N, C-alpha and C. Protein backbone atom coordinates (compact mmCIF):
# COMPACT_ATOMS: atom_id res chain seq x y z
N MET A 1 -82.36 119.25 -209.58
CA MET A 1 -83.20 120.08 -210.16
C MET A 1 -83.30 121.38 -209.59
N PRO A 2 -83.16 122.64 -210.13
CA PRO A 2 -83.35 124.02 -209.20
C PRO A 2 -84.80 124.14 -209.14
N ALA A 3 -85.02 124.94 -208.00
CA ALA A 3 -86.47 125.45 -207.77
C ALA A 3 -87.03 126.26 -208.80
N PRO A 4 -88.16 126.14 -209.24
CA PRO A 4 -88.77 126.92 -210.14
C PRO A 4 -88.78 128.51 -209.93
N SER A 5 -88.41 129.34 -210.88
CA SER A 5 -88.22 130.66 -211.03
C SER A 5 -89.47 131.80 -210.46
N LYS A 6 -90.70 130.94 -210.95
CA LYS A 6 -91.80 131.49 -210.40
C LYS A 6 -92.72 130.78 -209.65
N PRO A 7 -93.27 131.31 -208.45
CA PRO A 7 -94.14 130.62 -207.54
C PRO A 7 -95.62 129.86 -208.41
N PHE A 8 -96.02 129.04 -207.83
CA PHE A 8 -97.24 128.54 -208.15
C PHE A 8 -98.20 129.13 -207.22
N THR A 9 -99.17 129.92 -208.00
CA THR A 9 -100.08 130.89 -207.06
C THR A 9 -101.37 130.17 -207.26
N ALA A 10 -102.00 130.23 -205.99
CA ALA A 10 -103.47 129.76 -206.12
C ALA A 10 -104.33 130.90 -206.70
N ILE A 11 -105.43 130.68 -207.52
CA ILE A 11 -106.13 131.77 -208.04
C ILE A 11 -107.58 131.54 -207.19
N VAL A 12 -108.02 132.34 -206.62
CA VAL A 12 -109.28 132.35 -205.75
C VAL A 12 -110.53 132.41 -206.72
N ASP A 13 -111.54 131.75 -206.33
CA ASP A 13 -112.86 131.92 -207.35
C ASP A 13 -113.23 133.39 -207.52
N GLY A 14 -113.14 134.16 -206.64
CA GLY A 14 -113.43 135.44 -206.57
C GLY A 14 -113.00 136.21 -207.78
N ASP A 15 -111.58 135.73 -208.05
CA ASP A 15 -110.97 136.55 -209.28
C ASP A 15 -111.51 136.02 -210.51
N ILE A 16 -112.27 134.99 -210.33
CA ILE A 16 -112.53 134.34 -212.04
C ILE A 16 -114.05 134.29 -212.26
N ASP A 17 -114.85 135.16 -211.28
CA ASP A 17 -116.25 134.83 -211.29
C ASP A 17 -116.76 135.56 -212.46
N PRO A 18 -117.78 135.41 -213.00
CA PRO A 18 -118.35 136.39 -214.41
C PRO A 18 -118.24 137.99 -214.25
N GLU A 19 -118.35 138.44 -212.97
CA GLU A 19 -118.49 139.87 -212.68
C GLU A 19 -117.04 140.60 -212.40
N SER A 20 -115.97 139.46 -212.45
CA SER A 20 -114.46 140.09 -212.02
C SER A 20 -114.12 140.57 -213.25
N PRO A 21 -113.21 141.76 -213.16
CA PRO A 21 -112.50 142.09 -214.13
C PRO A 21 -111.24 141.58 -214.34
N LEU A 22 -110.59 141.34 -215.59
CA LEU A 22 -109.20 141.02 -215.89
C LEU A 22 -108.21 141.99 -215.20
N THR A 23 -107.43 141.46 -214.26
CA THR A 23 -106.50 142.40 -213.66
C THR A 23 -105.12 142.01 -213.76
N THR A 24 -104.20 142.84 -213.68
CA THR A 24 -102.69 142.54 -213.86
C THR A 24 -102.46 141.60 -212.78
N GLY A 25 -102.79 141.49 -211.63
CA GLY A 25 -102.62 140.23 -210.75
C GLY A 25 -102.85 139.14 -211.14
N LEU A 26 -104.25 138.96 -211.79
CA LEU A 26 -104.71 137.58 -212.33
C LEU A 26 -103.78 137.01 -213.49
N MET A 27 -103.77 138.11 -214.59
CA MET A 27 -102.79 137.63 -215.65
C MET A 27 -101.23 137.32 -215.15
N THR A 28 -100.80 137.93 -214.34
CA THR A 28 -99.25 137.73 -213.55
C THR A 28 -99.47 136.34 -213.10
N ALA A 29 -100.49 135.94 -212.29
CA ALA A 29 -100.74 134.46 -211.57
C ALA A 29 -100.78 133.51 -212.66
N TYR A 30 -101.61 133.63 -213.54
CA TYR A 30 -101.87 132.92 -214.67
C TYR A 30 -100.23 132.48 -215.71
N ARG A 31 -99.62 133.74 -215.90
CA ARG A 31 -98.32 133.70 -216.29
C ARG A 31 -97.06 132.68 -215.53
N ASP A 32 -97.33 133.23 -213.88
CA ASP A 32 -96.46 132.53 -213.17
C ASP A 32 -96.74 131.25 -213.09
N ARG A 33 -97.95 130.79 -212.92
CA ARG A 33 -98.47 129.25 -212.69
C ARG A 33 -97.83 128.57 -214.07
N ASP A 34 -97.87 129.09 -215.37
CA ASP A 34 -97.34 128.37 -216.40
C ASP A 34 -95.73 128.19 -216.32
N GLN A 35 -95.07 129.26 -216.12
CA GLN A 35 -93.77 129.21 -215.90
C GLN A 35 -93.42 128.10 -215.00
N ASN A 36 -93.90 128.34 -213.79
CA ASN A 36 -93.75 127.49 -212.48
C ASN A 36 -93.85 125.97 -213.26
N LEU A 37 -94.99 125.64 -213.70
CA LEU A 37 -95.07 124.11 -214.34
C LEU A 37 -94.30 123.65 -215.30
N LYS A 38 -94.03 124.64 -216.30
CA LYS A 38 -92.90 124.30 -217.40
C LYS A 38 -91.57 123.97 -216.65
N GLU A 39 -91.03 124.66 -215.63
CA GLU A 39 -89.80 124.55 -214.97
C GLU A 39 -90.05 123.16 -214.24
N TRP A 40 -91.19 122.92 -213.60
CA TRP A 40 -91.09 121.88 -212.73
C TRP A 40 -91.33 120.62 -213.34
N ILE A 41 -92.28 120.60 -214.36
CA ILE A 41 -92.25 119.25 -215.27
C ILE A 41 -91.00 119.09 -216.10
N GLY A 42 -90.46 120.18 -216.57
CA GLY A 42 -89.40 120.10 -217.30
C GLY A 42 -89.30 121.01 -218.62
N GLY A 43 -88.21 121.72 -218.78
CA GLY A 43 -88.21 122.68 -219.81
C GLY A 43 -88.52 122.00 -221.05
N SER A 44 -87.90 120.97 -221.52
CA SER A 44 -88.08 120.17 -222.97
C SER A 44 -89.23 119.32 -223.20
N PHE A 45 -90.05 119.39 -221.90
CA PHE A 45 -91.07 118.51 -221.87
C PHE A 45 -92.16 118.59 -223.21
N THR A 46 -92.28 117.73 -223.98
CA THR A 46 -93.42 117.69 -224.65
C THR A 46 -93.65 116.47 -225.19
N ALA A 47 -94.90 115.64 -225.00
CA ALA A 47 -94.78 114.29 -224.88
C ALA A 47 -94.76 113.80 -226.06
N ALA A 48 -95.10 114.33 -227.39
CA ALA A 48 -95.00 113.77 -228.66
C ALA A 48 -93.59 113.85 -229.11
N VAL A 49 -92.57 114.58 -228.65
CA VAL A 49 -91.37 114.84 -228.94
C VAL A 49 -90.19 113.85 -227.87
N ASP A 50 -90.41 113.97 -226.67
CA ASP A 50 -89.35 113.44 -225.91
C ASP A 50 -89.65 112.08 -225.55
N HIS A 51 -91.10 111.58 -225.73
CA HIS A 51 -91.18 110.21 -225.27
C HIS A 51 -92.26 109.94 -226.04
N ASN A 52 -92.36 108.95 -227.20
CA ASN A 52 -93.11 108.49 -228.06
C ASN A 52 -93.60 106.94 -227.85
N HIS A 53 -93.35 106.34 -226.70
CA HIS A 53 -93.67 105.14 -226.24
C HIS A 53 -93.62 104.00 -227.46
N ASP A 54 -92.28 103.96 -228.16
CA ASP A 54 -92.06 103.16 -229.17
C ASP A 54 -91.01 101.84 -228.70
N GLY A 55 -90.87 101.75 -227.37
CA GLY A 55 -90.38 100.42 -226.86
C GLY A 55 -88.63 100.75 -226.93
N VAL A 56 -88.41 101.82 -227.44
CA VAL A 56 -86.67 102.00 -227.41
C VAL A 56 -86.70 103.15 -226.35
N ASN A 57 -87.32 104.29 -226.24
CA ASN A 57 -87.20 105.30 -225.04
C ASN A 57 -88.19 105.13 -224.20
N SER A 58 -89.07 103.81 -223.94
CA SER A 58 -89.85 103.62 -222.99
C SER A 58 -89.22 102.99 -221.77
N SER A 59 -89.39 103.03 -220.79
CA SER A 59 -88.97 102.10 -219.59
C SER A 59 -89.72 101.01 -219.20
N LEU A 60 -88.68 99.97 -219.05
CA LEU A 60 -89.18 98.58 -218.87
C LEU A 60 -90.18 98.56 -217.50
N LEU A 61 -91.33 97.69 -217.49
CA LEU A 61 -91.87 97.35 -216.22
C LEU A 61 -90.95 96.62 -215.46
N SER A 62 -90.93 96.54 -214.18
CA SER A 62 -90.15 95.87 -213.15
C SER A 62 -90.66 94.49 -213.26
N GLY A 63 -89.90 93.54 -213.37
CA GLY A 63 -90.57 92.06 -212.92
C GLY A 63 -90.66 91.49 -214.65
N ASN A 64 -90.51 92.54 -215.64
CA ASN A 64 -90.84 92.16 -217.16
C ASN A 64 -89.69 91.20 -217.46
N VAL A 65 -89.75 89.96 -217.26
CA VAL A 65 -88.91 88.62 -217.70
C VAL A 65 -88.63 88.85 -219.09
N PHE A 66 -89.54 88.71 -220.03
CA PHE A 66 -89.67 88.73 -221.35
C PHE A 66 -88.81 89.84 -222.20
N GLY A 67 -88.95 91.16 -221.49
CA GLY A 67 -88.37 92.23 -221.93
C GLY A 67 -89.22 92.94 -223.10
N THR A 68 -90.36 92.44 -223.34
CA THR A 68 -91.08 93.03 -224.32
C THR A 68 -92.43 93.78 -224.02
N LEU A 69 -92.65 93.83 -222.86
CA LEU A 69 -93.76 94.82 -222.23
C LEU A 69 -93.32 95.80 -221.95
N TYR A 70 -93.70 96.95 -222.28
CA TYR A 70 -93.33 98.17 -221.89
C TYR A 70 -94.44 99.21 -221.03
N ALA A 71 -93.98 100.11 -220.29
CA ALA A 71 -95.13 100.87 -219.51
C ALA A 71 -96.32 101.26 -220.39
N TYR A 72 -96.07 101.66 -221.67
CA TYR A 72 -97.11 102.38 -222.52
C TYR A 72 -96.61 101.78 -224.13
N HIS A 73 -97.60 101.51 -225.10
CA HIS A 73 -97.17 100.91 -226.32
C HIS A 73 -97.99 101.63 -227.16
N ASN A 74 -97.88 101.86 -228.24
CA ASN A 74 -98.43 102.61 -229.22
C ASN A 74 -98.71 101.76 -230.36
N TYR A 75 -100.11 101.68 -230.29
CA TYR A 75 -100.64 100.41 -231.20
C TYR A 75 -100.98 101.15 -232.73
N GLY A 76 -100.77 102.25 -232.69
CA GLY A 76 -101.27 102.80 -233.84
C GLY A 76 -100.38 102.72 -235.01
């Protein structure tokens, strides 16, 4: 997996207190954090689309002798 194209930037409390203005630096940090996380988690990750816990695309728990118990199950 390639490294994310944007850094994960820590936002200090002083930048988000009620008296602080919205600055280009703050908004850039928010944008870069979102991009970093999207690339780090996976560009196509959308839980409802990529993995629905239906027993077909769920991974089996290790030691599951019967093959019917999954890491997560949708009881809905």
